[in-house]
C-alpha atoms as a PDB file:
ATOM      1  CA  MET A   1     133.553   9.082 123.676  1.00  0.00           C
ATOM      2  CA  ALA A   2     131.172   6.135 123.760  1.00  0.00           C
ATOM      3  CA  HIS A   3     131.266   2.797 125.531  1.00  0.00           C
ATOM      4  CA  TYR A   4     130.425  -0.528 123.929  1.00  0.00           C
ATOM      5  CA  ALA A   5     129.814  -4.065 125.190  1.00  0.00           C
ATOM      6  CA  ILE A   6     130.473  -7.275 123.272  1.00  0.00           C
ATOM      7  CA  ILE A   7     127.713  -9.843 123.830  1.00  0.00           C
ATOM      8  CA  ASP A   8     128.337 -13.572 123.285  1.00  0.00           C
ATOM      9  CA  HIS A   9     125.776 -16.098 122.033  1.00  0.00           C
ATOM     10  CA  ASN A  10     124.608 -16.726 125.616  1.00  0.00           C
ATOM     11  CA  ASN A  11     123.837 -12.989 125.985  1.00  0.00           C
ATOM     12  CA  ILE A  12     126.757 -12.527 128.389  1.00  0.00           C
ATOM     13  CA  VAL A  13     128.997  -9.449 128.241  1.00  0.00           C
ATOM     14  CA  THR A  14     132.548 -10.561 127.467  1.00  0.00           C
ATOM     15  CA  GLN A  15     134.175  -7.171 126.894  1.00  0.00           C
ATOM     16  CA  VAL A  16     133.484  -3.479 127.547  1.00  0.00           C
ATOM     17  CA  PHE A  17     135.544  -0.769 125.873  1.00  0.00           C
ATOM     18  CA  VAL A  18     135.686   2.868 124.817  1.00  0.00           C
ATOM     19  CA  GLY A  19     135.044   3.521 121.139  1.00  0.00           C
ATOM     20  CA  LYS A  20     133.948   6.160 118.680  1.00  0.00           C
ATOM     21  CA  ASP A  21     131.028   8.425 119.504  1.00  0.00           C
ATOM     22  CA  GLU A  22     127.818   7.635 117.633  1.00  0.00           C
ATOM     23  CA  ASN A  23     128.033  11.002 115.844  1.00  0.00           C
ATOM     24  CA  ASP A  24     131.531  10.354 114.427  1.00  0.00           C
ATOM     25  CA  PRO A  25     131.590   9.581 110.692  1.00  0.00           C
ATOM     26  CA  LEU A  26     131.293   5.873 109.927  1.00  0.00           C
ATOM     27  CA  PRO A  27     133.140   3.937 107.248  1.00  0.00           C
ATOM     28  CA  PRO A  28     130.649   3.739 104.349  1.00  0.00           C
ATOM     29  CA  GLU A  29     130.111  -0.031 104.574  1.00  0.00           C
ATOM     30  CA  TYR A  30     128.687   0.162 108.144  1.00  0.00           C
ATOM     31  CA  SER A  31     125.337   1.412 109.405  1.00  0.00           C
ATOM     32  CA  SER A  32     126.433   1.935 113.034  1.00  0.00           C
ATOM     33  CA  TRP A  33     129.463   1.837 115.313  1.00  0.00           C
ATOM     34  CA  GLU A  34     127.855  -1.180 116.993  1.00  0.00           C
ATOM     35  CA  GLN A  35     128.017  -3.028 113.681  1.00  0.00           C
ATOM     36  CA  TYR A  36     131.570  -1.798 113.053  1.00  0.00           C
ATOM     37  CA  TYR A  37     132.884  -3.048 116.421  1.00  0.00           C
ATOM     38  CA  CYS A  38     131.029  -6.390 116.470  1.00  0.00           C
ATOM     39  CA  PRO A  39     133.509  -9.252 116.034  1.00  0.00           C
ATOM     40  CA  PRO A  40     132.424 -12.181 113.824  1.00  0.00           C
ATOM     41  CA  ASN A  41     132.228 -14.628 116.745  1.00  0.00           C
ATOM     42  CA  ALA A  42     129.934 -12.402 118.877  1.00  0.00           C
ATOM     43  CA  LYS A  43     126.157 -12.145 118.909  1.00  0.00           C
ATOM     44  CA  ALA A  44     126.202  -8.355 119.148  1.00  0.00           C
ATOM     45  CA  CYS A  45     128.025  -5.205 120.118  1.00  0.00           C
ATOM     46  CA  LEU A  46     125.840  -2.715 122.003  1.00  0.00           C
ATOM     47  CA  ARG A  47     126.293   0.788 123.331  1.00  0.00           C
ATOM     48  CA  THR A  48     126.296   1.158 127.076  1.00  0.00           C
ATOM     49  CA  SER A  49     126.103   4.287 129.192  1.00  0.00           C
ATOM     50  CA  TYR A  50     128.851   4.842 131.755  1.00  0.00           C
ATOM     51  CA  ASN A  51     126.487   7.200 133.589  1.00  0.00           C
ATOM     52  CA  THR A  52     123.537   4.802 133.936  1.00  0.00           C
ATOM     53  CA  VAL A  53     123.138   2.820 137.160  1.00  0.00           C
ATOM     54  CA  GLU A  54     119.920   1.144 138.311  1.00  0.00           C
ATOM     55  CA  ASN A  55     117.907   2.890 135.605  1.00  0.00           C
ATOM     56  CA  LYS A  56     119.052   6.353 136.684  1.00  0.00           C
ATOM     57  CA  HIS A  57     121.444   8.672 134.908  1.00  0.00           C
ATOM     58  CA  LYS A  58     124.113  10.029 137.278  1.00  0.00           C
ATOM     59  CA  ASN A  59     123.989  13.486 135.664  1.00  0.00           C
ATOM     60  CA  GLY A  60     120.210  13.770 135.405  1.00  0.00           C
ATOM     61  CA  GLY A  61     120.082  12.667 131.767  1.00  0.00           C
ATOM     62  CA  ILE A  62     118.049   9.889 130.250  1.00  0.00           C
ATOM     63  CA  PRO A  63     119.072   6.431 131.531  1.00  0.00           C
ATOM     64  CA  PHE A  64     120.193   3.962 128.865  1.00  0.00           C
ATOM     65  CA  ARG A  65     119.826   0.164 129.060  1.00  0.00           C
ATOM     66  CA  LYS A  66     119.202   0.247 132.841  1.00  0.00           C
ATOM     67  CA  ASN A  67     122.876  -0.297 133.872  1.00  0.00           C
ATOM     68  CA  TYR A  68     126.375   0.274 132.570  1.00  0.00           C
ATOM     69  CA  ALA A  69     127.548  -3.075 131.209  1.00  0.00           C
ATOM     70  CA  GLY A  70     130.195  -5.078 133.003  1.00  0.00           C
ATOM     71  CA  ILE A  71     131.991  -8.287 132.106  1.00  0.00           C
ATOM     72  CA  GLY A  72     129.760 -11.155 133.178  1.00  0.00           C
ATOM     73  CA  TYR A  73     126.545  -9.106 132.977  1.00  0.00           C
ATOM     74  CA  THR A  74     123.644 -10.531 130.983  1.00  0.00           C
ATOM     75  CA  TYR A  75     121.984  -8.524 128.242  1.00  0.00           C
ATOM     76  CA  ASP A  76     118.207  -8.967 128.302  1.00  0.00           C
ATOM     77  CA  TRP A  77     116.818  -8.254 124.831  1.00  0.00           C
ATOM     78  CA  GLN A  78     113.190  -7.891 125.961  1.00  0.00           C
ATOM     79  CA  ARG A  79     114.027  -5.394 128.718  1.00  0.00           C
ATOM     80  CA  ASP A  80     116.809  -3.745 126.662  1.00  0.00           C
ATOM     81  CA  ALA A  81     118.879  -3.950 129.843  1.00  0.00           C
ATOM     82  CA  PHE A  82     122.257  -4.985 131.152  1.00  0.00           C
ATOM     83  CA  ILE A  83     121.726  -7.073 134.303  1.00  0.00           C
ATOM     84  CA  PRO A  84     124.566  -7.810 136.739  1.00  0.00           C
ATOM     85  CA  PRO A  85     125.256 -11.363 137.894  1.00  0.00           C
ATOM     86  CA  LYS A  86     122.966 -12.549 140.675  1.00  0.00           C
ATOM     87  CA  PRO A  87     124.939 -12.109 143.925  1.00  0.00           C
ATOM     88  CA  VAL A  88     122.838 -14.451 146.084  1.00  0.00           C
ATOM     89  CA  GLU A  89     120.586 -17.241 144.827  1.00  0.00           C
ATOM     90  CA  THR A  90     117.589 -16.025 146.844  1.00  0.00           C
ATOM     91  CA  TYR A  91     117.677 -12.468 145.434  1.00  0.00           C
ATOM     92  CA  ILE A  92     114.975 -11.390 142.983  1.00  0.00           C
ATOM     93  CA  LEU A  93     115.222  -9.064 140.013  1.00  0.00           C
ATOM     94  CA  ASP A  94     113.874  -5.549 140.527  1.00  0.00           C
ATOM     95  CA  GLU A  95     112.118  -4.858 137.219  1.00  0.00           C
ATOM     96  CA  GLU A  96     112.524  -1.079 137.554  1.00  0.00           C
ATOM     97  CA  THR A  97     116.284  -1.054 138.147  1.00  0.00           C
ATOM     98  CA  CYS A  98     117.214  -4.414 136.582  1.00  0.00           C
ATOM     99  CA  ASN A  99     119.344  -5.092 139.613  1.00  0.00           C
ATOM    100  CA  TRP A 100     119.057  -7.784 142.263  1.00  0.00           C
ATOM    101  CA  LYS A 101     117.510  -7.253 145.694  1.00  0.00           C
ATOM    102  CA  PRO A 102     116.704  -9.444 148.702  1.00  0.00           C
ATOM    103  CA  GLN A 103     113.232 -10.920 148.856  1.00  0.00           C
ATOM    104  CA  GLU A 104     110.954  -9.029 151.219  1.00  0.00           C
END
């Protein structure tokens, strides 16, 4: 079981869902499940890890894309990270976790 996030043209997550595992056989006309699930009106469909929070894997595995995607999160292409909405205007982004924290 794998999780996927649909990204709109503003790099905002509009949907998160469970889909086929990356090792399941693909229809021959697709190169990945991300490509298969990407609707025509979206910018992208990307895998997301249910077990990744603040750049840590809950089960000791390798973290993936910093955070599990949520609706309203932003996908940052340079950081390869899902970033939650900023909760308070004065918060700053923690580059390690790609989550927001109060200024010190």
